[in-house]
C-alpha atoms as a PDB file:
ATOM      1  CA  UNK A   1     -18.737 -11.939 -13.374  1.00  0.00           C
ATOM      2  CA  UNK A   2     -21.011 -14.671 -14.122  1.00  0.00           C
ATOM      3  CA  UNK A   3     -20.298 -17.839 -12.460  1.00  0.00           C
ATOM      4  CA  UNK A   4     -19.864 -20.711 -15.487  1.00  0.00           C
ATOM      5  CA  UNK A   5     -21.606 -24.245 -14.583  1.00  0.00           C
ATOM      6  CA  UNK A   6     -20.053 -27.424 -15.879  1.00  0.00           C
ATOM      7  CA  UNK A   7     -22.367 -30.472 -15.535  1.00  0.00           C
ATOM      8  CA  UNK A   8     -20.438 -33.345 -15.503  1.00  0.00           C
ATOM      9  CA  UNK A   9     -20.516 -37.557 -16.009  1.00  0.00           C
ATOM     10  CA  UNK A  10     -23.260 -37.192 -18.803  1.00  0.00           C
ATOM     11  CA  UNK A  11     -24.332 -40.319 -20.026  1.00  0.00           C
ATOM     12  CA  UNK A  12     -27.863 -40.022 -21.514  1.00  0.00           C
ATOM     13  CA  UNK A  13     -29.397 -37.807 -24.516  1.00  0.00           C
ATOM     14  CA  UNK A  14     -32.115 -36.729 -22.416  1.00  0.00           C
ATOM     15  CA  UNK A  15     -29.772 -35.427 -19.497  1.00  0.00           C
ATOM     16  CA  UNK A  16     -27.774 -33.331 -22.033  1.00  0.00           C
ATOM     17  CA  UNK A  17     -30.874 -31.646 -23.547  1.00  0.00           C
ATOM     18  CA  UNK A  18     -32.241 -31.126 -19.611  1.00  0.00           C
ATOM     19  CA  UNK A  19     -28.443 -29.309 -18.965  1.00  0.00           C
ATOM     20  CA  UNK A  20     -28.744 -27.527 -21.995  1.00  0.00           C
ATOM     21  CA  UNK A  21     -32.237 -26.227 -21.454  1.00  0.00           C
ATOM     22  CA  UNK A  22     -31.363 -25.170 -18.058  1.00  0.00           C
ATOM     23  CA  UNK A  23     -28.195 -22.825 -19.195  1.00  0.00           C
ATOM     24  CA  UNK A  24     -24.809 -25.216 -18.739  1.00  0.00           C
ATOM     25  CA  UNK A  25     -22.063 -23.658 -20.394  1.00  0.00           C
ATOM     26  CA  UNK A  26     -19.952 -27.082 -20.307  1.00  0.00           C
ATOM     27  CA  UNK A  27     -20.953 -30.711 -20.326  1.00  0.00           C
ATOM     28  CA  UNK A  28     -18.083 -32.998 -19.068  1.00  0.00           C
ATOM     29  CA  UNK A  29     -17.898 -36.784 -20.597  1.00  0.00           C
ATOM     30  CA  UNK A  30     -15.908 -39.598 -18.144  1.00  0.00           C
ATOM     31  CA  UNK A  31     -13.842 -41.222 -20.478  1.00  0.00           C
ATOM     32  CA  UNK A  32     -11.937 -43.068 -17.602  1.00  0.00           C
ATOM     33  CA  UNK A  33     -13.148 -46.353 -17.373  1.00  0.00           C
ATOM     34  CA  UNK A  34     -12.746 -46.708 -13.382  1.00  0.00           C
ATOM     35  CA  UNK A  35     -15.898 -44.580 -13.399  1.00  0.00           C
ATOM     36  CA  UNK A  36     -19.512 -45.710 -13.249  1.00  0.00           C
ATOM     37  CA  UNK A  37     -20.168 -42.440 -15.365  1.00  0.00           C
ATOM     38  CA  UNK A  38     -17.440 -43.921 -18.038  1.00  0.00           C
ATOM     39  CA  UNK A  39     -18.381 -43.629 -21.856  1.00  0.00           C
ATOM     40  CA  UNK A  40     -17.006 -45.608 -24.571  1.00  0.00           C
ATOM     41  CA  UNK A  41     -15.208 -43.161 -27.353  1.00  0.00           C
ATOM     42  CA  UNK A  42     -18.216 -44.745 -29.778  1.00  0.00           C
ATOM     43  CA  UNK A  43     -20.556 -43.389 -26.826  1.00  0.00           C
ATOM     44  CA  UNK A  44     -18.833 -40.343 -26.783  1.00  0.00           C
ATOM     45  CA  UNK A  45     -19.253 -39.672 -30.545  1.00  0.00           C
ATOM     46  CA  UNK A  46     -22.906 -40.545 -30.126  1.00  0.00           C
ATOM     47  CA  UNK A  47     -23.407 -37.854 -27.354  1.00  0.00           C
ATOM     48  CA  UNK A  48     -21.046 -35.091 -28.460  1.00  0.00           C
ATOM     49  CA  UNK A  49     -23.151 -35.054 -31.781  1.00  0.00           C
ATOM     50  CA  UNK A  50     -25.886 -34.213 -29.346  1.00  0.00           C
ATOM     51  CA  UNK A  51     -24.254 -30.866 -27.841  1.00  0.00           C
ATOM     52  CA  UNK A  52     -25.557 -27.408 -29.804  1.00  0.00           C
ATOM     53  CA  UNK A  53     -23.106 -24.690 -30.565  1.00  0.00           C
ATOM     54  CA  UNK A  54     -21.730 -22.570 -27.697  1.00  0.00           C
ATOM     55  CA  UNK A  55     -21.577 -25.392 -25.092  1.00  0.00           C
ATOM     56  CA  UNK A  56     -18.383 -26.684 -24.548  1.00  0.00           C
ATOM     57  CA  UNK A  57     -17.518 -30.149 -24.536  1.00  0.00           C
ATOM     58  CA  UNK A  58     -15.117 -31.667 -22.060  1.00  0.00           C
ATOM     59  CA  UNK A  59     -13.454 -34.565 -21.809  1.00  0.00           C
ATOM     60  CA  UNK A  60     -12.279 -35.993 -18.575  1.00  0.00           C
ATOM     61  CA  UNK A  61      -9.063 -38.258 -18.307  1.00  0.00           C
ATOM     62  CA  UNK A  62      -7.080 -40.388 -15.982  1.00  0.00           C
ATOM     63  CA  UNK A  63      -3.478 -40.926 -16.705  1.00  0.00           C
ATOM     64  CA  UNK A  64      -4.727 -42.221 -19.858  1.00  0.00           C
ATOM     65  CA  UNK A  65      -3.028 -43.266 -23.290  1.00  0.00           C
ATOM     66  CA  UNK A  66      -2.234 -40.481 -25.580  1.00  0.00           C
ATOM     67  CA  UNK A  67      -3.874 -42.436 -28.474  1.00  0.00           C
ATOM     68  CA  UNK A  68      -7.050 -42.907 -26.395  1.00  0.00           C
ATOM     69  CA  UNK A  69      -7.153 -38.950 -25.774  1.00  0.00           C
ATOM     70  CA  UNK A  70      -6.426 -38.277 -29.073  1.00  0.00           C
ATOM     71  CA  UNK A  71      -9.071 -40.580 -30.375  1.00  0.00           C
ATOM     72  CA  UNK A  72     -11.534 -38.887 -28.313  1.00  0.00           C
ATOM     73  CA  UNK A  73     -10.472 -35.452 -29.269  1.00  0.00           C
ATOM     74  CA  UNK A  74     -12.560 -34.574 -32.660  1.00  0.00           C
ATOM     75  CA  UNK A  75     -15.355 -34.789 -30.057  1.00  0.00           C
ATOM     76  CA  UNK A  76     -14.357 -32.612 -27.601  1.00  0.00           C
ATOM     77  CA  UNK A  77     -13.898 -29.006 -27.399  1.00  0.00           C
ATOM     78  CA  UNK A  78     -11.265 -29.297 -24.156  1.00  0.00           C
ATOM     79  CA  UNK A  79      -9.437 -31.955 -21.967  1.00  0.00           C
ATOM     80  CA  UNK A  80      -9.508 -32.212 -17.999  1.00  0.00           C
ATOM     81  CA  UNK A  81      -6.815 -34.401 -16.967  1.00  0.00           C
ATOM     82  CA  UNK A  82      -7.295 -35.844 -13.214  1.00  0.00           C
ATOM     83  CA  UNK A  83      -4.438 -37.976 -12.729  1.00  0.00           C
ATOM     84  CA  UNK A  84      -0.601 -37.101 -12.424  1.00  0.00           C
ATOM     85  CA  UNK A  85      -0.213 -36.112 -15.857  1.00  0.00           C
ATOM     86  CA  UNK A  86       2.788 -33.588 -15.943  1.00  0.00           C
ATOM     87  CA  UNK A  87       2.458 -30.171 -18.604  1.00  0.00           C
ATOM     88  CA  UNK A  88       3.957 -31.388 -21.371  1.00  0.00           C
ATOM     89  CA  UNK A  89       1.554 -34.380 -21.333  1.00  0.00           C
ATOM     90  CA  UNK A  90      -1.479 -31.942 -21.225  1.00  0.00           C
ATOM     91  CA  UNK A  91      -0.309 -29.997 -24.129  1.00  0.00           C
ATOM     92  CA  UNK A  92       0.348 -32.749 -26.417  1.00  0.00           C
ATOM     93  CA  UNK A  93      -2.940 -32.217 -28.277  1.00  0.00           C
ATOM     94  CA  UNK A  94      -2.853 -28.830 -29.441  1.00  0.00           C
ATOM     95  CA  UNK A  95      -6.552 -28.186 -27.365  1.00  0.00           C
ATOM     96  CA  UNK A  96      -7.608 -26.142 -24.615  1.00  0.00           C
ATOM     97  CA  UNK A  97      -7.169 -28.440 -21.086  1.00  0.00           C
ATOM     98  CA  UNK A  98      -7.726 -27.962 -17.667  1.00  0.00           C
ATOM     99  CA  UNK A  99      -5.807 -29.280 -14.779  1.00  0.00           C
ATOM    100  CA  UNK A 100      -7.614 -31.036 -11.729  1.00  0.00           C
ATOM    101  CA  UNK A 101      -6.106 -31.138  -8.244  1.00  0.00           C
ATOM    102  CA  UNK A 102      -7.380 -32.601  -5.356  1.00  0.00           C
ATOM    103  CA  UNK A 103      -6.965 -30.756  -2.201  1.00  0.00           C
ATOM    104  CA  UNK A 104      -4.199 -32.716  -0.439  1.00  0.00           C
ATOM    105  CA  UNK A 105      -3.420 -31.239   2.880  1.00  0.00           C
ATOM    106  CA  UNK A 106       0.083 -30.323   1.699  1.00  0.00           C
ATOM    107  CA  UNK A 107      -0.733 -28.865  -1.575  1.00  0.00           C
ATOM    108  CA  UNK A 108       0.588 -25.572  -2.489  1.00  0.00           C
ATOM    109  CA  UNK A 109      -1.733 -24.114  -5.267  1.00  0.00           C
ATOM    110  CA  UNK A 110       0.396 -21.039  -6.381  1.00  0.00           C
ATOM    111  CA  UNK A 111       3.419 -23.833  -7.144  1.00  0.00           C
ATOM    112  CA  UNK A 112       0.917 -26.070  -9.197  1.00  0.00           C
ATOM    113  CA  UNK A 113      -0.940 -22.763 -10.911  1.00  0.00           C
ATOM    114  CA  UNK A 114       2.694 -21.791 -11.953  1.00  0.00           C
ATOM    115  CA  UNK A 115       3.829 -25.527 -13.056  1.00  0.00           C
ATOM    116  CA  UNK A 116       0.571 -25.663 -15.225  1.00  0.00           C
ATOM    117  CA  UNK A 117       0.903 -22.083 -16.255  1.00  0.00           C
ATOM    118  CA  UNK A 118      -0.421 -22.867 -19.455  1.00  0.00           C
ATOM    119  CA  UNK A 119      -3.725 -24.702 -18.856  1.00  0.00           C
ATOM    120  CA  UNK A 120      -7.123 -22.614 -19.012  1.00  0.00           C
ATOM    121  CA  UNK A 121      -7.658 -23.382 -15.517  1.00  0.00           C
ATOM    122  CA  UNK A 122      -7.527 -25.052 -12.417  1.00  0.00           C
ATOM    123  CA  UNK A 123     -10.205 -27.464 -10.954  1.00  0.00           C
ATOM    124  CA  UNK A 124      -9.921 -27.990  -7.538  1.00  0.00           C
ATOM    125  CA  UNK A 125     -11.421 -31.354  -6.159  1.00  0.00           C
ATOM    126  CA  UNK A 126     -11.925 -33.027  -3.147  1.00  0.00           C
ATOM    127  CA  UNK A 127      -9.307 -35.310  -1.814  1.00  0.00           C
ATOM    128  CA  UNK A 128      -9.759 -39.314  -0.902  1.00  0.00           C
ATOM    129  CA  UNK A 129      -6.742 -41.671  -1.172  1.00  0.00           C
ATOM    130  CA  UNK A 130      -6.779 -43.922  -4.412  1.00  0.00           C
ATOM    131  CA  UNK A 131      -9.854 -42.027  -5.968  1.00  0.00           C
ATOM    132  CA  UNK A 132      -9.034 -39.284  -8.490  1.00  0.00           C
ATOM    133  CA  UNK A 133     -12.780 -37.284  -8.485  1.00  0.00           C
ATOM    134  CA  UNK A 134     -16.295 -37.893  -8.505  1.00  0.00           C
ATOM    135  CA  UNK A 135     -16.154 -38.643  -4.627  1.00  0.00           C
ATOM    136  CA  UNK A 136     -18.975 -36.120  -3.413  1.00  0.00           C
ATOM    137  CA  UNK A 137     -17.000 -34.830  -0.857  1.00  0.00           C
ATOM    138  CA  UNK A 138     -16.345 -31.485  -0.117  1.00  0.00           C
ATOM    139  CA  UNK A 139     -13.379 -29.386   1.131  1.00  0.00           C
ATOM    140  CA  UNK A 140     -12.535 -26.734   2.973  1.00  0.00           C
ATOM    141  CA  UNK A 141     -13.058 -23.763   0.782  1.00  0.00           C
ATOM    142  CA  UNK A 142     -11.424 -21.041   2.687  1.00  0.00           C
ATOM    143  CA  UNK A 143      -7.733 -23.068   1.639  1.00  0.00           C
ATOM    144  CA  UNK A 144      -8.245 -21.278  -1.711  1.00  0.00           C
ATOM    145  CA  UNK A 145      -6.056 -18.641  -2.097  1.00  0.00           C
ATOM    146  CA  UNK A 146      -8.090 -15.525  -3.978  1.00  0.00           C
ATOM    147  CA  UNK A 147      -4.742 -14.128  -5.849  1.00  0.00           C
ATOM    148  CA  UNK A 148      -3.709 -17.489  -7.775  1.00  0.00           C
ATOM    149  CA  UNK A 149      -2.716 -16.850 -11.536  1.00  0.00           C
ATOM    150  CA  UNK A 150      -5.121 -19.349 -13.015  1.00  0.00           C
ATOM    151  CA  UNK A 151      -9.074 -19.364 -13.117  1.00  0.00           C
ATOM    152  CA  UNK A 152     -10.700 -21.649 -10.323  1.00  0.00           C
ATOM    153  CA  UNK A 153     -13.310 -24.149 -11.279  1.00  0.00           C
ATOM    154  CA  UNK A 154     -14.452 -25.279  -7.974  1.00  0.00           C
ATOM    155  CA  UNK A 155     -15.775 -28.984  -7.497  1.00  0.00           C
ATOM    156  CA  UNK A 156     -16.080 -31.488  -5.109  1.00  0.00           C
ATOM    157  CA  UNK A 157     -19.631 -32.254  -3.256  1.00  0.00           C
ATOM    158  CA  UNK A 158     -21.396 -29.190  -4.676  1.00  0.00           C
ATOM    159  CA  UNK A 159     -25.297 -29.509  -4.551  1.00  0.00           C
ATOM    160  CA  UNK A 160     -28.124 -27.051  -4.907  1.00  0.00           C
ATOM    161  CA  UNK A 161     -28.185 -26.578  -1.214  1.00  0.00           C
ATOM    162  CA  UNK A 162     -24.586 -25.586  -0.878  1.00  0.00           C
ATOM    163  CA  UNK A 163     -23.646 -23.779  -4.201  1.00  0.00           C
ATOM    164  CA  UNK A 164     -24.466 -20.500  -3.097  1.00  0.00           C
ATOM    165  CA  UNK A 165     -22.401 -20.014  -0.194  1.00  0.00           C
ATOM    166  CA  UNK A 166     -19.907 -21.673  -2.518  1.00  0.00           C
ATOM    167  CA  UNK A 167     -19.948 -18.789  -5.019  1.00  0.00           C
ATOM    168  CA  UNK A 168     -20.064 -16.582  -2.682  1.00  0.00           C
ATOM    169  CA  UNK A 169     -17.070 -17.643  -0.542  1.00  0.00           C
ATOM    170  CA  UNK A 170     -14.669 -18.770  -3.262  1.00  0.00           C
ATOM    171  CA  UNK A 171     -15.690 -16.467  -6.135  1.00  0.00           C
ATOM    172  CA  UNK A 172     -14.826 -19.294  -8.543  1.00  0.00           C
ATOM    173  CA  UNK A 173     -14.495 -18.635 -12.377  1.00  0.00           C
ATOM    174  CA  UNK A 174     -16.423 -21.421 -12.802  1.00  0.00           C
ATOM    175  CA  UNK A 175     -18.215 -24.506 -11.195  1.00  0.00           C
ATOM    176  CA  UNK A 176     -18.353 -28.530 -11.783  1.00  0.00           C
ATOM    177  CA  UNK A 177     -21.125 -30.830 -10.430  1.00  0.00           C
ATOM    178  CA  UNK A 178     -21.974 -34.354 -11.301  1.00  0.00           C
ATOM    179  CA  UNK A 179     -23.223 -36.395  -7.967  1.00  0.00           C
ATOM    180  CA  UNK A 180     -25.038 -33.571  -6.572  1.00  0.00           C
ATOM    181  CA  UNK A 181     -27.707 -33.367  -9.635  1.00  0.00           C
ATOM    182  CA  UNK A 182     -28.053 -37.341  -9.759  1.00  0.00           C
ATOM    183  CA  UNK A 183     -30.818 -39.566  -8.770  1.00  0.00           C
ATOM    184  CA  UNK A 184     -28.110 -42.478  -9.094  1.00  0.00           C
ATOM    185  CA  UNK A 185     -24.749 -42.493 -10.880  1.00  0.00           C
ATOM    186  CA  UNK A 186     -25.074 -41.269 -14.277  1.00  0.00           C
ATOM    187  CA  UNK A 187     -28.470 -40.768 -14.082  1.00  0.00           C
ATOM    188  CA  UNK A 188     -29.059 -37.024 -13.982  1.00  0.00           C
ATOM    189  CA  UNK A 189     -32.032 -35.382 -12.144  1.00  0.00           C
ATOM    190  CA  UNK A 190     -33.474 -32.677 -14.402  1.00  0.00           C
ATOM    191  CA  UNK A 191     -34.985 -30.806 -11.462  1.00  0.00           C
ATOM    192  CA  UNK A 192     -31.703 -30.703  -9.280  1.00  0.00           C
ATOM    193  CA  UNK A 193     -30.225 -29.619 -12.562  1.00  0.00           C
ATOM    194  CA  UNK A 194     -32.253 -26.678 -12.947  1.00  0.00           C
ATOM    195  CA  UNK A 195     -32.203 -25.853  -8.990  1.00  0.00           C
ATOM    196  CA  UNK A 196     -28.262 -26.126  -9.152  1.00  0.00           C
ATOM    197  CA  UNK A 197     -28.054 -23.577 -12.485  1.00  0.00           C
ATOM    198  CA  UNK A 198     -31.049 -21.455 -11.252  1.00  0.00           C
ATOM    199  CA  UNK A 199     -29.128 -20.998  -7.735  1.00  0.00           C
ATOM    200  CA  UNK A 200     -25.783 -20.404  -9.247  1.00  0.00           C
ATOM    201  CA  UNK A 201     -27.263 -17.425 -11.356  1.00  0.00           C
ATOM    202  CA  UNK A 202     -29.212 -16.411  -7.974  1.00  0.00           C
ATOM    203  CA  UNK A 203     -25.934 -16.004  -6.060  1.00  0.00           C
ATOM    204  CA  UNK A 204     -24.366 -14.307  -8.608  1.00  0.00           C
ATOM    205  CA  UNK A 205     -27.001 -11.601  -8.471  1.00  0.00           C
ATOM    206  CA  UNK A 206     -27.090 -11.298  -5.211  1.00  0.00           C
ATOM    207  CA  UNK A 207     -24.180  -9.429  -2.669  1.00  0.00           C
ATOM    208  CA  UNK A 208     -22.604 -11.990  -0.289  1.00  0.00           C
ATOM    209  CA  UNK A 209     -23.492 -11.932   3.241  1.00  0.00           C
END
């Protein structure tokens, strides 16, 4: 099965065009103001209009007010929750959603998959205290069980250099990259985007070693 690819933290029209041209399946827009890649709802509307059909627009939120999420929802196809949102908070908007989990030492992914069983998948990211995501850190991929009831989207420190190994080791439904394809926070490097996506496709086509 082909690994789906999400390019996250987009802030510029040219970067959207480059990601779409390279073959991204989904584009991520950060709506949490604590991020260097944060957008206003007005900017989200402008960038969202740039995204062509059949590319999924994903909005990233961190324990934010329901009114804000609802105001952004018309410009998104899927919601992604990175805070401590309980399942009922994620389900308020009548939209597809993902739950991001930071890989703390004591996390039980089977328990979390049951708790968030109505989500479309679990996005697994590295854990750093006080930081809800976008750390650029990897985690021990051997901690991801192969029998979870939900699709896994792998995140955290992915780059063109390590993505083939990640795909072969974890066999995730999808991968999510932000800092690993940037020249600076929120400014994507178009060559890195293309290299990242090409290497995912190469890994899908090659047998694991």
